[in-house]
Amino acid sequence: MTDRPDFLPSSTVSVGMHLYETTTFATHLYPDDDRVTLDAAGSGGTVTLFLDRPEITRLRGVLEQAEQDLTEQQQKIGVRAISGPAA
């Protein structure tokens, strides 16, 4: 992990967000910087992720693994997927 640059604040904030069918997503591309921002917006506000290309790949992998793990756990306990259009 890289050290925190001196110009960044030392405090952190945690934000939780439930994603629903009404949640909207918007990407903003910054090709010169090889990065994007991803806005997830709902009725209570917006959360923005700032992602360099390696973090895009990492996030995709984490989400794919989470879906696979959820499916495996549901199969173990005999529960079928009950939500989402991809289920």
PDB file of N, CA and C in Angstrom:
ATOM      1  N   MET A   1       0.851  -1.181   0.000  1.00  0.00           N
ATOM      2  CA  MET A   1       0.000   0.000   0.000  1.00  0.00           C
ATOM      3  C   MET A   1       0.892   1.239   0.000  1.00  0.00           C
ATOM      4  N   THR A   2       0.477   2.243  -0.742  1.00  0.00           N
ATOM      5  CA  THR A   2       1.273   3.455  -0.803  1.00  0.00           C
ATOM      6  C   THR A   2       0.978   4.345   0.394  1.00  0.00           C
ATOM      7  N   ASP A   3       1.942   5.163   0.744  1.00  0.00           N
ATOM      8  CA  ASP A   3       1.767   6.096   1.845  1.00  0.00           C
ATOM      9  C   ASP A   3       0.805   7.204   1.437  1.00  0.00           C
ATOM     10  N   ARG A   4       0.115   7.735   2.422  1.00  0.00           N
ATOM     11  CA  ARG A   4      -0.791   8.858   2.192  1.00  0.00           C
ATOM     12  C   ARG A   4       0.025  10.095   1.856  1.00  0.00           C
ATOM     13  N   PRO A   5      -0.280  10.758   0.724  1.00  0.00           N
ATOM     14  CA  PRO A   5       0.418  11.998   0.409  1.00  0.00           C
ATOM     15  C   PRO A   5       0.158  13.048   1.476  1.00  0.00           C
ATOM     16  N   ASP A   6       1.120  13.907   1.717  1.00  0.00           N
ATOM     17  CA  ASP A   6       1.012  14.939   2.746  1.00  0.00           C
ATOM     18  C   ASP A   6      -0.162  15.890   2.522  1.00  0.00           C
ATOM     19  N   PHE A   7      -0.565  16.104   1.273  1.00  0.00           N
ATOM     20  CA  PHE A   7      -1.621  17.067   1.001  1.00  0.00           C
ATOM     21  C   PHE A   7      -3.020  16.522   1.283  1.00  0.00           C
ATOM     22  N   LEU A   8      -3.148  15.213   1.541  1.00  0.00           N
ATOM     23  CA  LEU A   8      -4.464  14.650   1.846  1.00  0.00           C
ATOM     24  C   LEU A   8      -4.765  14.747   3.336  1.00  0.00           C
ATOM     25  N   PRO A   9      -6.044  14.916   3.692  1.00  0.00           N
ATOM     26  CA  PRO A   9      -6.400  14.969   5.111  1.00  0.00           C
ATOM     27  C   PRO A   9      -6.192  13.612   5.769  1.00  0.00           C
ATOM     28  N   SER A  10      -6.002  13.611   7.068  1.00  0.00           N
ATOM     29  CA  SER A  10      -5.749  12.366   7.785  1.00  0.00           C
ATOM     30  C   SER A  10      -7.025  11.700   8.286  1.00  0.00           C
ATOM     31  N   SER A  11      -8.165  12.376   8.161  1.00  0.00           N
ATOM     32  CA  SER A  11      -9.417  11.777   8.617  1.00  0.00           C
ATOM     33  C   SER A  11     -10.078  11.010   7.476  1.00  0.00           C
ATOM     34  N   THR A  12     -10.957  10.076   7.838  1.00  0.00           N
ATOM     35  CA  THR A  12     -11.692   9.307   6.840  1.00  0.00           C
ATOM     36  C   THR A  12     -13.175   9.307   7.181  1.00  0.00           C
ATOM     37  N   VAL A  13     -13.983   9.036   6.187  1.00  0.00           N
ATOM     38  CA  VAL A  13     -15.421   8.952   6.355  1.00  0.00           C
ATOM     39  C   VAL A  13     -15.888   7.652   5.719  1.00  0.00           C
ATOM     40  N   SER A  14     -16.760   6.931   6.401  1.00  0.00           N
ATOM     41  CA  SER A  14     -17.341   5.721   5.833  1.00  0.00           C
ATOM     42  C   SER A  14     -18.758   6.019   5.368  1.00  0.00           C
ATOM     43  N   VAL A  15     -19.104   5.501   4.202  1.00  0.00           N
ATOM     44  CA  VAL A  15     -20.416   5.732   3.625  1.00  0.00           C
ATOM     45  C   VAL A  15     -21.003   4.391   3.223  1.00  0.00           C
ATOM     46  N   GLY A  16     -22.268   4.173   3.568  1.00  0.00           N
ATOM     47  CA  GLY A  16     -22.968   2.982   3.135  1.00  0.00           C
ATOM     48  C   GLY A  16     -24.044   3.365   2.142  1.00  0.00           C
ATOM     49  N   MET A  17     -24.287   2.486   1.169  1.00  0.00           N
ATOM     50  CA  MET A  17     -25.308   2.770   0.177  1.00  0.00           C
ATOM     51  C   MET A  17     -25.951   1.464  -0.259  1.00  0.00           C
ATOM     52  N   HIS A  18     -27.271   1.410  -0.201  1.00  0.00           N
ATOM     53  CA  HIS A  18     -28.003   0.263  -0.741  1.00  0.00           C
ATOM     54  C   HIS A  18     -28.263   0.538  -2.214  1.00  0.00           C
ATOM     55  N   LEU A  19     -28.042  -0.468  -3.045  1.00  0.00           N
ATOM     56  CA  LEU A  19     -28.305  -0.332  -4.465  1.00  0.00           C
ATOM     57  C   LEU A  19     -29.632  -1.022  -4.784  1.00  0.00           C
ATOM     58  N   TYR A  20     -30.484  -0.312  -5.500  1.00  0.00           N
ATOM     59  CA  TYR A  20     -31.791  -0.815  -5.899  1.00  0.00           C
ATOM     60  C   TYR A  20     -31.944  -0.669  -7.407  1.00  0.00           C
ATOM     61  N   GLU A  21     -33.045  -1.166  -7.943  1.00  0.00           N
ATOM     62  CA  GLU A  21     -33.303  -1.047  -9.373  1.00  0.00           C
ATOM     63  C   GLU A  21     -33.342   0.414  -9.810  1.00  0.00           C
ATOM     64  N   THR A  22     -33.695   1.304  -8.900  1.00  0.00           N
ATOM     65  CA  THR A  22     -33.789   2.724  -9.239  1.00  0.00           C
ATOM     66  C   THR A  22     -32.453   3.454  -9.124  1.00  0.00           C
ATOM     67  N   THR A  23     -31.434   2.788  -8.593  1.00  0.00           N
ATOM     68  CA  THR A  23     -30.107   3.403  -8.501  1.00  0.00           C
ATOM     69  C   THR A  23     -29.561   3.613  -9.900  1.00  0.00           C
ATOM     70  N   THR A  24     -29.020   4.786 -10.140  1.00  0.00           N
ATOM     71  CA  THR A  24     -28.434   5.065 -11.450  1.00  0.00           C
ATOM     72  C   THR A  24     -26.910   5.093 -11.326  1.00  0.00           C
ATOM     73  N   PHE A  25     -26.262   4.743 -12.417  1.00  0.00           N
ATOM     74  CA  PHE A  25     -24.807   4.743 -12.477  1.00  0.00           C
ATOM     75  C   PHE A  25     -24.368   5.602 -13.658  1.00  0.00           C
ATOM     76  N   ALA A  26     -23.347   6.391 -13.435  1.00  0.00           N
ATOM     77  CA  ALA A  26     -22.789   7.209 -14.507  1.00  0.00           C
ATOM     78  C   ALA A  26     -21.271   7.148 -14.406  1.00  0.00           C
ATOM     79  N   THR A  27     -20.630   6.968 -15.539  1.00  0.00           N
ATOM     80  CA  THR A  27     -19.171   6.991 -15.556  1.00  0.00           C
ATOM     81  C   THR A  27     -18.703   8.253 -16.254  1.00  0.00           C
ATOM     82  N   HIS A  28     -17.615   8.774 -15.772  1.00  0.00           N
ATOM     83  CA  HIS A  28     -16.958   9.928 -16.375  1.00  0.00           C
ATOM     84  C   HIS A  28     -15.536   9.485 -16.684  1.00  0.00           C
ATOM     85  N   LEU A  29     -15.161   9.585 -17.954  1.00  0.00           N
ATOM     86  CA  LEU A  29     -13.876   9.080 -18.418  1.00  0.00           C
ATOM     87  C   LEU A  29     -12.830  10.179 -18.427  1.00  0.00           C
ATOM     88  N   TYR A  30     -11.637   9.819 -17.990  1.00  0.00           N
ATOM     89  CA  TYR A  30     -10.486  10.710 -18.006  1.00  0.00           C
ATOM     90  C   TYR A  30      -9.348   9.962 -18.707  1.00  0.00           C
ATOM     91  N   PRO A  31      -9.438   9.857 -20.057  1.00  0.00           N
ATOM     92  CA  PRO A  31      -8.487   9.016 -20.783  1.00  0.00           C
ATOM     93  C   PRO A  31      -7.034   9.461 -20.652  1.00  0.00           C
ATOM     94  N   ASP A  32      -6.792  10.747 -20.538  1.00  0.00           N
ATOM     95  CA  ASP A  32      -5.409  11.219 -20.397  1.00  0.00           C
ATOM     96  C   ASP A  32      -4.781  10.755 -19.094  1.00  0.00           C
ATOM     97  N   ASP A  33      -5.627  10.520 -18.078  1.00  0.00           N
ATOM     98  CA  ASP A  33      -5.146  10.077 -16.771  1.00  0.00           C
ATOM     99  C   ASP A  33      -5.318   8.578 -16.556  1.00  0.00           C
ATOM    100  N   ASP A  34      -5.907   7.871 -17.538  1.00  0.00           N
ATOM    101  CA  ASP A  34      -6.168   6.431 -17.447  1.00  0.00           C
ATOM    102  C   ASP A  34      -7.002   6.108 -16.214  1.00  0.00           C
ATOM    103  N   ARG A  35      -8.074   6.894 -16.020  1.00  0.00           N
ATOM    104  CA  ARG A  35      -8.935   6.693 -14.857  1.00  0.00           C
ATOM    105  C   ARG A  35     -10.360   7.081 -15.193  1.00  0.00           C
ATOM    106  N   VAL A  36     -11.278   6.694 -14.307  1.00  0.00           N
ATOM    107  CA  VAL A  36     -12.690   7.057 -14.428  1.00  0.00           C
ATOM    108  C   VAL A  36     -13.219   7.427 -13.050  1.00  0.00           C
ATOM    109  N   THR A  37     -14.365   8.076 -13.043  1.00  0.00           N
ATOM    110  CA  THR A  37     -15.154   8.160 -11.826  1.00  0.00           C
ATOM    111  C   THR A  37     -16.467   7.442 -12.113  1.00  0.00           C
ATOM    112  N   LEU A  38     -17.006   6.810 -11.088  1.00  0.00           N
ATOM    113  CA  LEU A  38     -18.270   6.093 -11.186  1.00  0.00           C
ATOM    114  C   LEU A  38     -19.201   6.662 -10.136  1.00  0.00           C
ATOM    115  N   ASP A  39     -20.296   7.273 -10.589  1.00  0.00           N
ATOM    116  CA  ASP A  39     -21.293   7.820  -9.675  1.00  0.00           C
ATOM    117  C   ASP A  39     -22.427   6.822  -9.521  1.00  0.00           C
ATOM    118  N   ALA A  40     -22.756   6.469  -8.292  1.00  0.00           N
ATOM    119  CA  ALA A  40     -23.936   5.660  -7.976  1.00  0.00           C
ATOM    120  C   ALA A  40     -24.893   6.605  -7.258  1.00  0.00           C
ATOM    121  N   ALA A  41     -26.034   6.877  -7.881  1.00  0.00           N
ATOM    122  CA  ALA A  41     -26.954   7.873  -7.345  1.00  0.00           C
ATOM    123  C   ALA A  41     -28.288   7.244  -6.986  1.00  0.00           C
ATOM    124  N   GLY A  42     -28.804   7.642  -5.839  1.00  0.00           N
ATOM    125  CA  GLY A  42     -30.106   7.181  -5.373  1.00  0.00           C
ATOM    126  C   GLY A  42     -30.886   8.341  -4.820  1.00  0.00           C
ATOM    127  N   SER A  43     -31.992   8.038  -4.153  1.00  0.00           N
ATOM    128  CA  SER A  43     -32.859   9.093  -3.638  1.00  0.00           C
ATOM    129  C   SER A  43     -32.215   9.872  -2.492  1.00  0.00           C
ATOM    130  N   GLY A  44     -31.205   9.285  -1.840  1.00  0.00           N
ATOM    131  CA  GLY A  44     -30.588   9.948  -0.704  1.00  0.00           C
ATOM    132  C   GLY A  44     -29.269  10.616  -1.000  1.00  0.00           C
ATOM    133  N   GLY A  45     -28.801  10.555  -2.245  1.00  0.00           N
ATOM    134  CA  GLY A  45     -27.538  11.185  -2.577  1.00  0.00           C
ATOM    135  C   GLY A  45     -26.749  10.370  -3.580  1.00  0.00           C
ATOM    136  N   THR A  46     -25.488  10.737  -3.726  1.00  0.00           N
ATOM    137  CA  THR A  46     -24.609  10.102  -4.698  1.00  0.00           C
ATOM    138  C   THR A  46     -23.299   9.718  -4.029  1.00  0.00           C
ATOM    139  N   VAL A  47     -22.793   8.553  -4.398  1.00  0.00           N
ATOM    140  CA  VAL A  47     -21.456   8.132  -3.981  1.00  0.00           C
ATOM    141  C   VAL A  47     -20.605   8.064  -5.242  1.00  0.00           C
ATOM    142  N   THR A  48     -19.424   8.666  -5.196  1.00  0.00           N
ATOM    143  CA  THR A  48     -18.527   8.658  -6.336  1.00  0.00           C
ATOM    144  C   THR A  48     -17.283   7.852  -6.007  1.00  0.00           C
ATOM    145  N   LEU A  49     -16.966   6.903  -6.886  1.00  0.00           N
ATOM    146  CA  LEU A  49     -15.726   6.136  -6.779  1.00  0.00           C
ATOM    147  C   LEU A  49     -14.731   6.709  -7.774  1.00  0.00           C
ATOM    148  N   PHE A  50     -13.507   6.914  -7.336  1.00  0.00           N
ATOM    149  CA  PHE A  50     -12.433   7.393  -8.189  1.00  0.00           C
ATOM    150  C   PHE A  50     -11.534   6.195  -8.468  1.00  0.00           C
ATOM    151  N   LEU A  51     -11.455   5.778  -9.735  1.00  0.00           N
ATOM    152  CA  LEU A  51     -10.812   4.514 -10.071  1.00  0.00           C
ATOM    153  C   LEU A  51      -9.765   4.668 -11.171  1.00  0.00           C
ATOM    154  N   ASP A  52      -8.524   4.329 -10.843  1.00  0.00           N
ATOM    155  CA  ASP A  52      -7.509   4.151 -11.871  1.00  0.00           C
ATOM    156  C   ASP A  52      -7.750   2.789 -12.502  1.00  0.00           C
ATOM    157  N   ARG A  53      -7.150   2.532 -13.654  1.00  0.00           N
ATOM    158  CA  ARG A  53      -7.399   1.278 -14.361  1.00  0.00           C
ATOM    159  C   ARG A  53      -7.185   0.035 -13.490  1.00  0.00           C
ATOM    160  N   PRO A  54      -6.112  -0.062 -12.687  1.00  0.00           N
ATOM    161  CA  PRO A  54      -5.966  -1.263 -11.852  1.00  0.00           C
ATOM    162  C   PRO A  54      -7.095  -1.438 -10.850  1.00  0.00           C
ATOM    163  N   GLU A  55      -7.652  -0.329 -10.345  1.00  0.00           N
ATOM    164  CA  GLU A  55      -8.751  -0.425  -9.395  1.00  0.00           C
ATOM    165  C   GLU A  55     -10.047  -0.841 -10.090  1.00  0.00           C
ATOM    166  N   ILE A  56     -10.227  -0.464 -11.358  1.00  0.00           N
ATOM    167  CA  ILE A  56     -11.390  -0.927 -12.126  1.00  0.00           C
ATOM    168  C   ILE A  56     -11.342  -2.452 -12.216  1.00  0.00           C
ATOM    169  N   THR A  57     -10.182  -2.972 -12.578  1.00  0.00           N
ATOM    170  CA  THR A  57     -10.000  -4.416 -12.698  1.00  0.00           C
ATOM    171  C   THR A  57     -10.207  -5.099 -11.358  1.00  0.00           C
ATOM    172  N   ARG A  58      -9.667  -4.513 -10.304  1.00  0.00           N
ATOM    173  CA  ARG A  58      -9.801  -5.090  -8.964  1.00  0.00           C
ATOM    174  C   ARG A  58     -11.259  -5.111  -8.507  1.00  0.00           C
ATOM    175  N   LEU A  59     -11.977  -4.011  -8.721  1.00  0.00           N
ATOM    176  CA  LEU A  59     -13.384  -3.941  -8.328  1.00  0.00           C
ATOM    177  C   LEU A  59     -14.214  -4.967  -9.096  1.00  0.00           C
ATOM    178  N   ARG A  60     -13.960  -5.094 -10.390  1.00  0.00           N
ATOM    179  CA  ARG A  60     -14.684  -6.094 -11.186  1.00  0.00           C
ATOM    180  C   ARG A  60     -14.452  -7.488 -10.621  1.00  0.00           C
ATOM    181  N   GLY A  61     -13.214  -7.803 -10.272  1.00  0.00           N
ATOM    182  CA  GLY A  61     -12.897  -9.108  -9.704  1.00  0.00           C
ATOM    183  C   GLY A  61     -13.567  -9.345  -8.361  1.00  0.00           C
ATOM    184  N   VAL A  62     -13.589  -8.336  -7.514  1.00  0.00           N
ATOM    185  CA  VAL A  62     -14.230  -8.458  -6.200  1.00  0.00           C
ATOM    186  C   VAL A  62     -15.725  -8.715  -6.356  1.00  0.00           C
ATOM    187  N   LEU A  63     -16.381  -8.003  -7.272  1.00  0.00           N
ATOM    188  CA  LEU A  63     -17.818  -8.194  -7.485  1.00  0.00           C
ATOM    189  C   LEU A  63     -18.119  -9.569  -8.067  1.00  0.00           C
ATOM    190  N   GLU A  64     -17.298 -10.006  -9.007  1.00  0.00           N
ATOM    191  CA  GLU A  64     -17.498 -11.347  -9.582  1.00  0.00           C
ATOM    192  C   GLU A  64     -17.327 -12.422  -8.514  1.00  0.00           C
ATOM    193  N   GLN A  65     -16.313 -12.271  -7.664  1.00  0.00           N
ATOM    194  CA  GLN A  65     -16.076 -13.252  -6.605  1.00  0.00           C
ATOM    195  C   GLN A  65     -17.211 -13.236  -5.586  1.00  0.00           C
ATOM    196  N   ALA A  66     -17.703 -12.046  -5.242  1.00  0.00           N
ATOM    197  CA  ALA A  66     -18.814 -11.942  -4.289  1.00  0.00           C
ATOM    198  C   ALA A  66     -20.049 -12.650  -4.819  1.00  0.00           C
ATOM    199  N   GLU A  67     -20.336 -12.482  -6.101  1.00  0.00           N
ATOM    200  CA  GLU A  67     -21.497 -13.152  -6.686  1.00  0.00           C
ATOM    201  C   GLU A  67     -21.316 -14.664  -6.679  1.00  0.00           C
ATOM    202  N   GLN A  68     -20.128 -15.115  -7.008  1.00  0.00           N
ATOM    203  CA  GLN A  68     -19.846 -16.555  -6.995  1.00  0.00           C
ATOM    204  C   GLN A  68     -19.959 -17.119  -5.583  1.00  0.00           C
ATOM    205  N   ASP A  69     -19.392 -16.432  -4.611  1.00  0.00           N
ATOM    206  CA  ASP A  69     -19.457 -16.888  -3.217  1.00  0.00           C
ATOM    207  C   ASP A  69     -20.895 -16.936  -2.716  1.00  0.00           C
ATOM    208  N   LEU A  70     -21.693 -15.921  -3.056  1.00  0.00           N
ATOM    209  CA  LEU A  70     -23.089 -15.891  -2.644  1.00  0.00           C
ATOM    210  C   LEU A  70     -23.847 -17.085  -3.226  1.00  0.00           C
ATOM    211  N   THR A  71     -23.637 -17.355  -4.503  1.00  0.00           N
ATOM    212  CA  THR A  71     -24.299 -18.494  -5.144  1.00  0.00           C
ATOM    213  C   THR A  71     -23.903 -19.799  -4.470  1.00  0.00           C
ATOM    214  N   GLU A  72     -22.626 -19.977  -4.186  1.00  0.00           N
ATOM    215  CA  GLU A  72     -22.157 -21.203  -3.533  1.00  0.00           C
ATOM    216  C   GLU A  72     -22.774 -21.368  -2.147  1.00  0.00           C
ATOM    217  N   GLN A  73     -22.838 -20.292  -1.368  1.00  0.00           N
ATOM    218  CA  GLN A  73     -23.420 -20.366  -0.031  1.00  0.00           C
ATOM    219  C   GLN A  73     -24.914 -20.668  -0.101  1.00  0.00           C
ATOM    220  N   GLN A  74     -25.604 -20.077  -1.060  1.00  0.00           N
ATOM    221  CA  GLN A  74     -27.027 -20.361  -1.220  1.00  0.00           C
ATOM    222  C   GLN A  74     -27.254 -21.817  -1.585  1.00  0.00           C
ATOM    223  N   GLN A  75     -26.412 -22.367  -2.435  1.00  0.00           N
ATOM    224  CA  GLN A  75     -26.539 -23.771  -2.816  1.00  0.00           C
ATOM    225  C   GLN A  75     -26.296 -24.687  -1.620  1.00  0.00           C
ATOM    226  N   LYS A  76     -25.335 -24.312  -0.773  1.00  0.00           N
ATOM    227  CA  LYS A  76     -25.034 -25.122   0.420  1.00  0.00           C
ATOM    228  C   LYS A  76     -26.217 -25.190   1.377  1.00  0.00           C
ATOM    229  N   ILE A  77     -26.948 -24.084   1.500  1.00  0.00           N
ATOM    230  CA  ILE A  77     -28.053 -24.062   2.465  1.00  0.00           C
ATOM    231  C   ILE A  77     -29.408 -24.280   1.800  1.00  0.00           C
ATOM    232  N   GLY A  78     -29.399 -24.535   0.501  1.00  0.00           N
ATOM    233  CA  GLY A  78     -30.637 -24.843  -0.188  1.00  0.00           C
ATOM    234  C   GLY A  78     -31.516 -23.659  -0.492  1.00  0.00           C
ATOM    235  N   VAL A  79     -30.933 -22.507  -0.620  1.00  0.00           N
ATOM    236  CA  VAL A  79     -31.697 -21.298  -0.950  1.00  0.00           C
ATOM    237  C   VAL A  79     -31.369 -20.930  -2.391  1.00  0.00           C
ATOM    238  N   ARG A  80     -32.414 -20.652  -3.161  1.00  0.00           N
ATOM    239  CA  ARG A  80     -32.152 -20.218  -4.537  1.00  0.00           C
ATOM    240  C   ARG A  80     -32.032 -18.700  -4.543  1.00  0.00           C
ATOM    241  N   ALA A  81     -31.338 -18.187  -5.540  1.00  0.00           N
ATOM    242  CA  ALA A  81     -31.210 -16.740  -5.675  1.00  0.00           C
ATOM    243  C   ALA A  81     -32.598 -16.126  -5.795  1.00  0.00           C
ATOM    244  N   ILE A  82     -32.862 -15.096  -5.024  1.00  0.00           N
ATOM    245  CA  ILE A  82     -34.221 -14.552  -4.980  1.00  0.00           C
ATOM    246  C   ILE A  82     -34.323 -13.120  -5.444  1.00  0.00           C
ATOM    247  N   SER A  83     -33.218 -12.495  -5.842  1.00  0.00           N
ATOM    248  CA  SER A  83     -33.316 -11.094  -6.217  1.00  0.00           C
ATOM    249  C   SER A  83     -32.448 -10.799  -7.427  1.00  0.00           C
ATOM    250  N   GLY A  84     -32.814  -9.740  -8.101  1.00  0.00           N
ATOM    251  CA  GLY A  84     -32.010  -9.230  -9.199  1.00  0.00           C
ATOM    252  C   GLY A  84     -32.315  -9.881 -10.534  1.00  0.00           C
ATOM    253  N   PRO A  85     -32.216  -9.093 -11.587  1.00  0.00           N
ATOM    254  CA  PRO A  85     -32.526  -9.593 -12.919  1.00  0.00           C
ATOM    255  C   PRO A  85     -31.544 -10.649 -13.409  1.00  0.00           C
ATOM    256  N   ALA A  86     -30.296 -10.644 -12.898  1.00  0.00           N
ATOM    257  CA  ALA A  86     -29.300 -11.612 -13.345  1.00  0.00           C
ATOM    258  C   ALA A  86     -29.383 -12.919 -12.568  1.00  0.00           C
ATOM    259  N   ALA A  87     -30.186 -12.945 -11.519  1.00  0.00           N
ATOM    260  CA  ALA A  87     -30.270 -14.141 -10.659  1.00  0.00           C
ATOM    261  C   ALA A  87     -30.949 -15.307 -11.342  1.00  0.00           C
TER     262      ALA A  87
END
